[in-house]
Amino acid sequence: MFSKFIDELTWRGLIQDKIEGIEEHLAAKMVTGYIGFDPTASSLHVGSLLPIMVLVRFQRAGHKPIVILGGGTGMIGDPSGKTTERQLLNQETLEKNVQALQKQLSQYLNFEEGQNKAELLNNIDWLGKISMIEFLREVGKFFRVNVMLTKDSVKKRIESEVGISYTEFSYQLLQAYDFEYLYRNKACTLQMGASDQWGNITAGTDYIHYKHGHQAKVFGLTFPLVTKSDGTKFGKSEKGNIWLDPALTTPYQFYQFWLRTPDESAAKFLRYYTLLDKSTIEELESEHAQAPHLRIVQNALADEITSFVHGKDALNLAKRTTQALFSKNIQEAFTGLSDEEINLVLSGADSVTIPKTQLEVGIPILDAIVISGLKESKGEARKLIQGNGFSVNKVKWTQTNGLLTQEYLLQNKFILLQSGRSDIVVLKVE
């Protein structure tokens, strides 16, 4: 049972780097392993979802996961994958974020029962107690600056124009101390993370060997760092991060993010982010190859991840909203629905509310596009119309002048504004 974890990560393509001997270590018994999350926001986003899924699989294979929320390291900032210095957060903000993330993570991992129930710890509890002199003597003396400079996270920043502060340079020592603390107090022998964490992870294994000798069996494992096809950070859309908190990113918006996954990434993400087994995924891929226009893999991906993160009821509403908003006949899609049902269907969509009096006077169409957020300026709005990319209630709008008035209201409640094929904003009236 225990060996299932490495086998599953292997066929899913989720192993980037690993320390030799990890397979035997994980196959022999229940292992305690951890992943850290710095609480830099009040919610995790889809960039954090892969490490969450790795922990879920780790626990399902019979191992014990520890989640570290970096109340301490979050005050410093990890330079890994960052081209500029992080903005430092105050302790009050970090504490609020820790509480929010703790609640969020409890949705995905079992913290309640069983020998391998998950633990959630905050590293401020031990980092906050160690003095600077003690830290330099107990940790700093084991690290060589010339070795620290070779770590990718440090090397890239040193070669950049902004450089790196001593604060962020010291981050890998703090993370190494975390691993040693968990090894000493929780019998934790494995640290996992994205590939940009490899330098920090090996700093931790080296430090444990310095302190406890090479007989200390500790291991590191990384999974691929996910980026979008253009190389930019995964989890961001044109409008910002895709959050796991439904108050920040609605289930409909979340569902749409995955539904729009390009073909070159969809099959990979189905392996990375879902709990579907190998035969099911291969069958979906085969069906997709025979009829790519049906986007079978993308639909399965969006269904599985939205249900996992937000639940089946939220998924059903997201699908219902999608079906209505993307219907070719928008009038027909809402005909026969009660006011309550219409409000429910529209509740997840991107929307802007305006007073009905504005429509009585009429809103210039370029202003309406800017108000909706589809474009930031009238100039961009004009180009959108001239490029034949703008619709009102699914009907192409070809004139850069004209007014949006009450006659365009659907169900006496809303107007649908659309840019291109997929960007839809509901203009609601009060």
Protein backbone atom coordinates (compact mmCIF):
# COMPACT_ATOMS: atom_id res chain seq x y z
CA MET A 1 0.00 0.00 0.00
CA PHE A 2 2.71 2.50 1.01
CA SER A 3 4.60 2.10 -2.29
CA LYS A 4 1.48 3.17 -4.20
CA PHE A 5 2.44 6.82 -3.73
CA ILE A 6 5.63 6.79 -5.84
CA ASP A 7 4.04 4.49 -8.43
CA GLU A 8 1.13 6.88 -8.84
CA LEU A 9 3.27 10.01 -9.04
CA THR A 10 5.41 8.28 -11.67
CA TRP A 11 2.60 7.45 -14.12
CA ARG A 12 1.08 10.88 -13.56
CA GLY A 13 4.40 12.51 -14.54
CA LEU A 14 4.68 14.19 -11.16
CA ILE A 15 8.27 13.44 -10.19
CA GLN A 16 10.86 16.04 -11.15
CA ASP A 17 13.70 15.39 -8.68
CA LYS A 18 14.13 12.89 -5.86
CA ILE A 19 16.81 11.77 -3.44
CA GLU A 20 18.10 8.27 -4.07
CA GLY A 21 16.53 5.57 -1.93
CA ILE A 22 13.16 7.28 -1.55
CA GLU A 23 11.26 4.40 -3.16
CA GLU A 24 12.48 1.87 -0.58
CA HIS A 25 11.91 4.34 2.26
CA LEU A 26 8.30 4.97 1.25
CA ALA A 27 7.54 1.30 0.56
CA ALA A 28 8.70 0.01 3.95
CA LYS A 29 6.31 1.78 6.34
CA MET A 30 4.12 4.80 6.99
CA VAL A 31 6.26 7.90 6.41
CA THR A 32 5.66 11.41 7.71
CA GLY A 33 6.21 14.03 5.02
CA TYR A 34 5.46 17.71 4.66
CA ILE A 35 4.86 20.59 2.30
CA GLY A 36 4.96 24.22 3.35
CA PHE A 37 2.68 27.06 2.27
CA ASP A 38 3.55 30.68 3.06
CA PRO A 39 0.37 32.60 4.03
CA THR A 40 0.92 35.56 1.73
CA ALA A 41 -2.85 35.85 1.04
CA SER A 42 -6.11 34.90 2.71
CA SER A 43 -6.66 32.11 0.19
CA LEU A 44 -4.63 29.60 -1.74
CA HIS A 45 -4.92 29.72 -5.53
CA VAL A 46 -4.75 27.10 -8.28
CA GLY A 47 -0.95 27.38 -8.27
CA SER A 48 -1.17 25.83 -4.78
CA LEU A 49 -3.52 23.09 -5.92
CA LEU A 50 -0.83 20.73 -7.20
CA PRO A 51 0.98 20.50 -3.82
CA ILE A 52 -2.43 19.99 -2.19
CA MET A 53 -3.18 17.11 -4.58
CA VAL A 54 0.25 15.58 -3.84
CA LEU A 55 -0.55 15.65 -0.11
CA VAL A 56 -3.98 14.12 -0.76
CA ARG A 57 -2.38 11.26 -2.70
CA PHE A 58 0.30 10.90 -0.02
CA GLN A 59 -2.36 10.45 2.67
CA ARG A 60 -4.45 8.08 0.53
CA ALA A 61 -1.38 5.89 0.13
CA GLY A 62 -1.28 5.46 3.92
CA HIS A 63 1.36 8.08 4.75
CA LYS A 64 1.06 10.94 7.24
CA PRO A 65 1.04 14.49 5.82
CA ILE A 66 2.10 17.58 7.70
CA VAL A 67 1.11 21.00 6.38
CA ILE A 68 3.35 23.87 7.44
CA LEU A 69 1.81 27.31 7.27
CA GLY A 70 4.72 29.71 7.24
CA GLY A 71 3.73 32.30 9.78
CA GLY A 72 7.47 32.72 10.33
CA THR A 73 8.94 32.22 6.85
CA GLY A 74 6.07 34.27 5.43
CA MET A 75 7.52 37.27 7.24
CA ILE A 76 10.73 36.84 5.23
CA GLY A 77 9.62 35.78 1.76
CA ASP A 78 10.88 32.95 -0.44
CA PRO A 79 12.90 34.25 -3.43
CA SER A 80 12.24 31.03 -5.38
CA GLY A 81 10.60 31.83 -8.70
CA LYS A 82 10.45 35.55 -7.87
CA THR A 83 12.08 38.24 -9.98
CA THR A 84 11.55 40.97 -7.38
CA GLU A 85 11.58 41.28 -3.60
CA ARG A 86 8.35 40.27 -1.88
CA GLN A 87 6.45 42.92 0.03
CA LEU A 88 6.77 42.08 3.72
CA LEU A 89 3.50 41.47 5.57
CA ASN A 90 2.87 42.40 9.18
CA GLN A 91 2.21 39.74 11.80
CA GLU A 92 -1.49 40.59 12.20
CA THR A 93 -2.14 40.05 8.48
CA LEU A 94 -0.15 36.82 8.48
CA GLU A 95 -2.10 35.48 11.47
CA LYS A 96 -5.42 36.20 9.73
CA ASN A 97 -4.16 34.50 6.57
CA VAL A 98 -3.00 31.46 8.56
CA GLN A 99 -6.46 31.04 10.08
CA ALA A 100 -8.13 31.33 6.67
CA LEU A 101 -5.77 28.81 5.04
CA GLN A 102 -6.16 26.37 7.92
CA LYS A 103 -9.92 26.30 7.33
CA GLN A 104 -9.42 25.97 3.58
CA LEU A 105 -6.97 23.05 3.78
CA SER A 106 -9.28 21.09 6.10
CA GLN A 107 -11.62 20.64 3.12
CA TYR A 108 -9.08 18.51 1.28
CA LEU A 109 -7.12 16.54 3.90
CA ASN A 110 -8.25 14.38 6.81
CA PHE A 111 -7.13 16.12 10.01
CA GLU A 112 -9.62 14.30 12.24
CA GLU A 113 -9.03 10.58 12.49
CA GLY A 114 -6.75 7.64 11.72
CA GLN A 115 -3.12 6.83 12.41
CA ASN A 116 -2.09 8.93 9.42
CA LYS A 117 -4.34 11.91 10.08
CA ALA A 118 -2.83 15.15 8.81
CA GLU A 119 -1.26 17.75 11.09
CA LEU A 120 -1.20 21.47 10.51
CA LEU A 121 1.61 23.47 12.10
CA ASN A 122 2.71 27.12 12.03
CA ASN A 123 6.48 27.62 11.91
CA ILE A 124 6.25 30.91 13.81
CA ASP A 125 5.82 28.64 16.87
CA TRP A 126 9.50 27.63 16.70
CA LEU A 127 11.11 30.26 14.48
CA GLY A 128 9.67 33.00 16.65
CA LYS A 129 11.39 31.61 19.75
CA ILE A 130 14.96 31.34 18.50
CA SER A 131 17.24 34.36 19.00
CA MET A 132 19.43 35.74 16.24
CA ILE A 133 22.62 34.72 18.05
CA GLU A 134 21.31 31.21 18.64
CA PHE A 135 20.18 30.90 15.02
CA LEU A 136 23.56 31.98 13.66
CA ARG A 137 25.39 29.55 15.98
CA GLU A 138 23.01 26.60 15.62
CA VAL A 139 22.09 26.92 11.95
CA GLY A 140 24.24 29.49 10.14
CA LYS A 141 27.56 27.86 11.04
CA PHE A 142 26.66 24.72 9.05
CA PHE A 143 26.07 26.56 5.78
CA ARG A 144 28.72 27.72 3.33
CA VAL A 145 27.96 30.90 1.41
CA ASN A 146 29.63 29.60 -1.75
CA VAL A 147 27.21 26.64 -1.75
CA MET A 148 24.20 28.86 -1.01
CA LEU A 149 25.11 31.04 -3.98
CA THR A 150 24.78 28.07 -6.35
CA LYS A 151 21.11 27.51 -5.50
CA ASP A 152 18.92 28.45 -8.46
CA SER A 153 16.59 30.67 -6.42
CA VAL A 154 19.57 32.75 -5.24
CA LYS A 155 21.67 32.58 -8.40
CA LYS A 156 18.93 33.93 -10.65
CA ARG A 157 18.23 36.85 -8.36
CA ILE A 158 21.91 37.76 -8.01
CA GLU A 159 22.20 37.84 -11.79
CA SER A 160 19.10 40.04 -12.11
CA GLU A 161 19.04 43.84 -11.95
CA VAL A 162 17.23 43.91 -8.59
CA GLY A 163 19.61 41.51 -6.83
CA ILE A 164 18.64 39.86 -3.55
CA SER A 165 18.48 41.16 0.00
CA TYR A 166 20.13 39.42 2.93
CA THR A 167 16.61 38.80 4.27
CA GLU A 168 15.57 36.65 1.30
CA PHE A 169 19.06 35.15 1.00
CA SER A 170 18.56 33.70 4.48
CA TYR A 171 15.26 32.05 3.57
CA GLN A 172 16.78 28.68 2.74
CA LEU A 173 18.31 28.51 6.25
CA LEU A 174 14.87 29.03 7.78
CA GLN A 175 13.34 26.31 5.61
CA ALA A 176 16.23 23.98 6.45
CA TYR A 177 15.62 24.63 10.13
CA ASP A 178 11.92 23.78 9.63
CA PHE A 179 12.84 20.37 8.20
CA GLU A 180 15.29 19.64 11.02
CA TYR A 181 12.72 20.72 13.62
CA LEU A 182 10.12 18.37 12.12
CA TYR A 183 12.65 15.55 11.88
CA ARG A 184 13.57 16.01 15.52
CA ASN A 185 10.05 16.54 16.92
CA LYS A 186 7.71 14.78 14.49
CA ALA A 187 9.89 12.00 12.99
CA CYS A 188 9.33 13.68 9.61
CA THR A 189 11.69 12.25 6.99
CA LEU A 190 10.37 13.70 3.74
CA GLN A 191 9.95 17.20 2.36
CA MET A 192 8.11 17.77 -0.92
CA GLY A 193 7.58 20.81 -3.11
CA ALA A 194 7.61 22.23 -6.62
CA SER A 195 10.83 21.98 -8.60
CA ASP A 196 11.86 25.54 -7.69
CA GLN A 197 12.07 24.32 -4.07
CA TRP A 198 14.80 21.73 -4.73
CA GLY A 199 17.59 23.99 -3.43
CA ASN A 200 15.67 24.72 -0.23
CA ILE A 201 14.82 21.04 0.25
CA THR A 202 18.40 19.82 -0.17
CA ALA A 203 19.56 22.58 2.18
CA GLY A 204 17.30 20.93 4.74
CA THR A 205 18.57 17.39 4.17
CA ASP A 206 22.17 18.66 4.34
CA TYR A 207 21.47 20.47 7.61
CA ILE A 208 19.90 17.35 9.16
CA HIS A 209 22.97 15.35 8.18
CA TYR A 210 25.23 18.01 9.74
CA LYS A 211 23.26 17.87 12.98
CA HIS A 212 22.37 14.18 13.21
CA GLY A 213 24.89 12.40 11.02
CA HIS A 214 24.45 10.65 7.69
CA GLN A 215 22.64 7.78 9.38
CA ALA A 216 19.62 10.14 9.46
CA LYS A 217 17.46 8.91 6.59
CA VAL A 218 15.78 11.98 5.15
CA PHE A 219 14.55 12.55 1.63
CA GLY A 220 13.32 15.19 -0.77
CA LEU A 221 10.98 15.00 -3.74
CA THR A 222 9.85 17.68 -6.18
CA PHE A 223 7.11 17.79 -8.78
CA PRO A 224 7.10 19.95 -11.94
CA LEU A 225 6.59 23.67 -11.57
CA VAL A 226 3.49 24.34 -13.65
CA THR A 227 3.49 27.30 -16.01
CA LYS A 228 1.11 28.31 -18.77
CA SER A 229 1.94 27.65 -22.42
CA ASP A 230 3.44 31.16 -22.72
CA GLY A 231 5.76 30.47 -19.77
CA THR A 232 3.96 32.80 -17.35
CA LYS A 233 2.88 31.85 -13.85
CA PHE A 234 0.11 29.27 -13.74
CA GLY A 235 -3.08 30.23 -11.93
CA LYS A 236 -3.40 33.73 -13.30
CA SER A 237 -5.93 34.95 -15.84
CA GLU A 238 -6.12 38.40 -17.43
CA LYS A 239 -8.12 39.48 -14.39
CA GLY A 240 -5.76 38.10 -11.74
CA ASN A 241 -5.27 34.96 -9.67
CA ILE A 242 -7.73 32.09 -9.77
CA TRP A 243 -8.40 31.59 -6.06
CA LEU A 244 -9.75 28.53 -4.24
CA ASP A 245 -11.95 30.76 -2.07
CA PRO A 246 -15.38 31.05 -3.79
CA ALA A 247 -15.74 34.59 -2.44
CA LEU A 248 -12.69 35.63 -4.49
CA THR A 249 -13.19 33.45 -7.57
CA THR A 250 -16.72 32.14 -8.06
CA PRO A 251 -17.17 28.43 -8.87
CA TYR A 252 -18.39 29.50 -12.32
CA GLN A 253 -15.20 31.50 -12.96
CA PHE A 254 -13.15 28.61 -11.55
CA TYR A 255 -14.95 26.13 -13.81
CA GLN A 256 -14.43 28.35 -16.84
CA PHE A 257 -10.68 28.62 -16.13
CA TRP A 258 -10.27 24.86 -16.44
CA LEU A 259 -12.72 24.55 -19.32
CA ARG A 260 -10.50 26.91 -21.35
CA THR A 261 -7.36 24.82 -20.88
CA PRO A 262 -5.56 24.47 -24.25
CA ASP A 263 -5.29 20.99 -25.76
CA GLU A 264 -1.52 20.84 -25.23
CA SER A 265 -2.01 21.08 -21.44
CA ALA A 266 -5.40 19.44 -20.83
CA ALA A 267 -4.29 15.79 -20.74
CA LYS A 268 -1.33 16.63 -18.50
CA PHE A 269 -3.54 18.56 -16.10
CA LEU A 270 -6.02 15.68 -15.99
CA ARG A 271 -3.17 13.56 -14.57
CA TYR A 272 -1.87 16.30 -12.27
CA TYR A 273 -5.03 17.68 -10.75
CA THR A 274 -7.66 14.93 -10.63
CA LEU A 275 -8.06 11.70 -8.71
CA LEU A 276 -9.23 9.80 -11.80
CA ASP A 277 -7.38 6.51 -12.29
CA LYS A 278 -5.05 5.72 -15.18
CA SER A 279 -7.48 3.66 -17.26
CA THR A 280 -10.22 6.32 -17.00
CA ILE A 281 -7.83 9.08 -18.05
CA GLU A 282 -6.50 7.06 -20.99
CA GLU A 283 -10.06 6.34 -22.12
CA LEU A 284 -10.93 10.05 -21.97
CA GLU A 285 -7.79 10.89 -23.96
CA SER A 286 -8.74 8.33 -26.60
CA GLU A 287 -12.27 9.75 -26.92
CA HIS A 288 -10.85 13.27 -27.11
CA ALA A 289 -8.45 12.31 -29.91
CA GLN A 290 -11.38 11.02 -31.98
CA ALA A 291 -13.44 14.19 -31.52
CA PRO A 292 -11.25 17.10 -30.35
CA HIS A 293 -13.99 19.65 -31.04
CA LEU A 294 -16.06 18.18 -28.21
CA ARG A 295 -13.28 19.06 -25.72
CA ILE A 296 -13.93 15.88 -23.75
CA VAL A 297 -10.74 16.13 -21.69
CA GLN A 298 -11.37 19.79 -20.80
CA ASN A 299 -14.92 19.02 -19.70
CA ALA A 300 -13.76 16.15 -17.50
CA LEU A 301 -10.97 18.31 -16.09
CA ALA A 302 -13.31 21.19 -15.22
CA ASP A 303 -15.90 18.82 -13.72
CA GLU A 304 -13.46 16.93 -11.53
CA ILE A 305 -11.50 19.89 -10.16
CA THR A 306 -14.51 22.13 -9.55
CA SER A 307 -16.27 19.30 -7.71
CA PHE A 308 -13.15 18.55 -5.63
CA VAL A 309 -12.59 22.18 -4.63
CA HIS A 310 -16.15 23.50 -4.35
CA GLY A 311 -18.44 20.46 -4.18
CA LYS A 312 -21.02 18.95 -6.52
CA ASP A 313 -23.73 21.56 -5.91
CA ALA A 314 -21.36 24.37 -6.91
CA LEU A 315 -20.27 22.39 -9.97
CA ASN A 316 -23.88 21.87 -11.06
CA LEU A 317 -24.59 25.59 -10.71
CA ALA A 318 -21.42 26.48 -12.63
CA LYS A 319 -22.48 24.15 -15.46
CA ARG A 320 -26.00 25.53 -15.44
CA THR A 321 -24.68 29.09 -15.62
CA THR A 322 -22.33 28.11 -18.45
CA GLN A 323 -25.13 26.45 -20.38
CA ALA A 324 -27.35 29.53 -20.07
CA LEU A 325 -24.74 32.20 -20.81
CA PHE A 326 -23.26 30.36 -23.79
CA SER A 327 -26.61 29.39 -25.30
CA LYS A 328 -27.01 30.59 -28.88
CA ASN A 329 -30.52 31.79 -28.07
CA ILE A 330 -30.20 33.71 -24.82
CA GLN A 331 -33.91 34.59 -24.67
CA GLU A 332 -34.86 30.94 -24.92
CA ALA A 333 -32.27 29.91 -22.29
CA PHE A 334 -34.00 32.00 -19.61
CA THR A 335 -37.60 31.59 -20.72
CA GLY A 336 -39.73 29.77 -18.16
CA LEU A 337 -37.31 30.27 -15.27
CA SER A 338 -38.56 31.87 -12.09
CA ASP A 339 -36.95 35.06 -10.75
CA GLU A 340 -35.23 32.96 -8.10
CA GLU A 341 -33.84 30.56 -10.72
CA ILE A 342 -32.63 33.43 -12.91
CA ASN A 343 -30.88 35.07 -9.98
CA LEU A 344 -29.30 31.75 -9.05
CA VAL A 345 -28.02 31.09 -12.57
CA LEU A 346 -26.59 34.61 -12.81
CA SER A 347 -25.09 34.57 -9.30
CA GLY A 348 -21.82 32.98 -10.38
CA ALA A 349 -21.25 35.00 -13.53
CA ASP A 350 -19.03 38.05 -13.89
CA SER A 351 -21.44 40.92 -13.38
CA VAL A 352 -21.76 44.66 -12.86
CA THR A 353 -24.84 46.32 -11.36
CA ILE A 354 -26.14 49.69 -12.60
CA PRO A 355 -29.21 51.78 -11.73
CA LYS A 356 -32.12 51.25 -14.10
CA THR A 357 -32.31 55.04 -14.53
CA GLN A 358 -29.08 54.91 -16.54
CA LEU A 359 -30.75 52.72 -19.13
CA GLU A 360 -33.76 55.03 -19.27
CA VAL A 361 -31.42 57.79 -20.45
CA GLY A 362 -29.21 55.38 -22.41
CA ILE A 363 -25.56 54.42 -21.91
CA PRO A 364 -23.14 55.09 -24.80
CA ILE A 365 -21.95 51.67 -25.94
CA LEU A 366 -18.25 52.48 -25.46
CA ASP A 367 -19.00 53.54 -21.87
CA ALA A 368 -20.96 50.33 -21.30
CA ILE A 369 -18.00 48.20 -22.40
CA VAL A 370 -15.69 50.05 -20.01
CA ILE A 371 -18.23 49.88 -17.15
CA SER A 372 -18.53 46.13 -17.67
CA GLY A 373 -14.77 45.67 -17.36
CA LEU A 374 -14.48 43.94 -20.72
CA LYS A 375 -12.07 46.70 -21.79
CA GLU A 376 -10.21 49.33 -19.80
CA SER A 377 -10.64 52.30 -22.13
CA LYS A 378 -12.95 53.64 -24.79
CA GLY A 379 -10.13 53.27 -27.31
CA GLU A 380 -9.88 49.54 -26.60
CA ALA A 381 -13.68 49.28 -26.68
CA ARG A 382 -13.79 50.94 -30.11
CA LYS A 383 -11.17 48.51 -31.46
CA LEU A 384 -13.18 45.59 -30.06
CA ILE A 385 -16.30 46.67 -31.96
CA GLN A 386 -14.37 47.48 -35.14
CA GLY A 387 -12.78 44.03 -34.97
CA ASN A 388 -16.24 42.47 -34.96
CA GLY A 389 -15.59 40.99 -31.52
CA PHE A 390 -18.42 42.49 -29.44
CA SER A 391 -21.98 41.25 -28.92
CA VAL A 392 -25.02 42.35 -26.96
CA ASN A 393 -27.37 39.53 -25.99
CA LYS A 394 -25.54 37.26 -28.49
CA VAL A 395 -26.11 39.69 -31.38
CA LYS A 396 -23.08 41.35 -33.00
CA TRP A 397 -22.82 45.08 -32.38
CA THR A 398 -21.08 46.73 -35.32
CA GLN A 399 -21.45 50.47 -34.64
CA THR A 400 -19.09 52.37 -32.33
CA ASN A 401 -21.91 54.75 -31.47
CA GLY A 402 -25.42 54.08 -30.25
CA LEU A 403 -26.91 53.65 -26.81
CA LEU A 404 -27.63 50.73 -24.53
CA THR A 405 -31.24 51.23 -23.40
CA GLN A 406 -34.08 49.40 -21.67
CA GLU A 407 -35.10 47.71 -24.90
CA TYR A 408 -32.06 45.41 -24.55
CA LEU A 409 -33.09 44.14 -21.10
CA LEU A 410 -33.68 40.40 -20.83
CA GLN A 411 -36.33 39.29 -18.35
CA ASN A 412 -36.39 42.96 -17.31
CA LYS A 413 -33.27 42.14 -15.26
CA PHE A 414 -30.03 42.06 -17.24
CA ILE A 415 -28.12 42.57 -20.48
CA LEU A 416 -25.43 40.21 -21.70
CA LEU A 417 -22.23 41.83 -22.99
CA GLN A 418 -19.65 39.61 -24.68
CA SER A 419 -16.10 40.05 -25.94
CA GLY A 420 -14.87 37.34 -28.28
CA ARG A 421 -16.00 33.78 -27.70
CA SER A 422 -15.63 33.41 -23.97
CA ASP A 423 -15.56 36.73 -22.04
CA ILE A 424 -19.12 37.41 -20.88
CA VAL A 425 -20.25 40.02 -18.37
CA VAL A 426 -23.80 40.35 -17.10
CA LEU A 427 -24.97 43.95 -16.78
CA LYS A 428 -27.58 43.76 -14.01
CA VAL A 429 -30.04 46.54 -13.23
CA GLU A 430 -31.40 47.69 -9.88
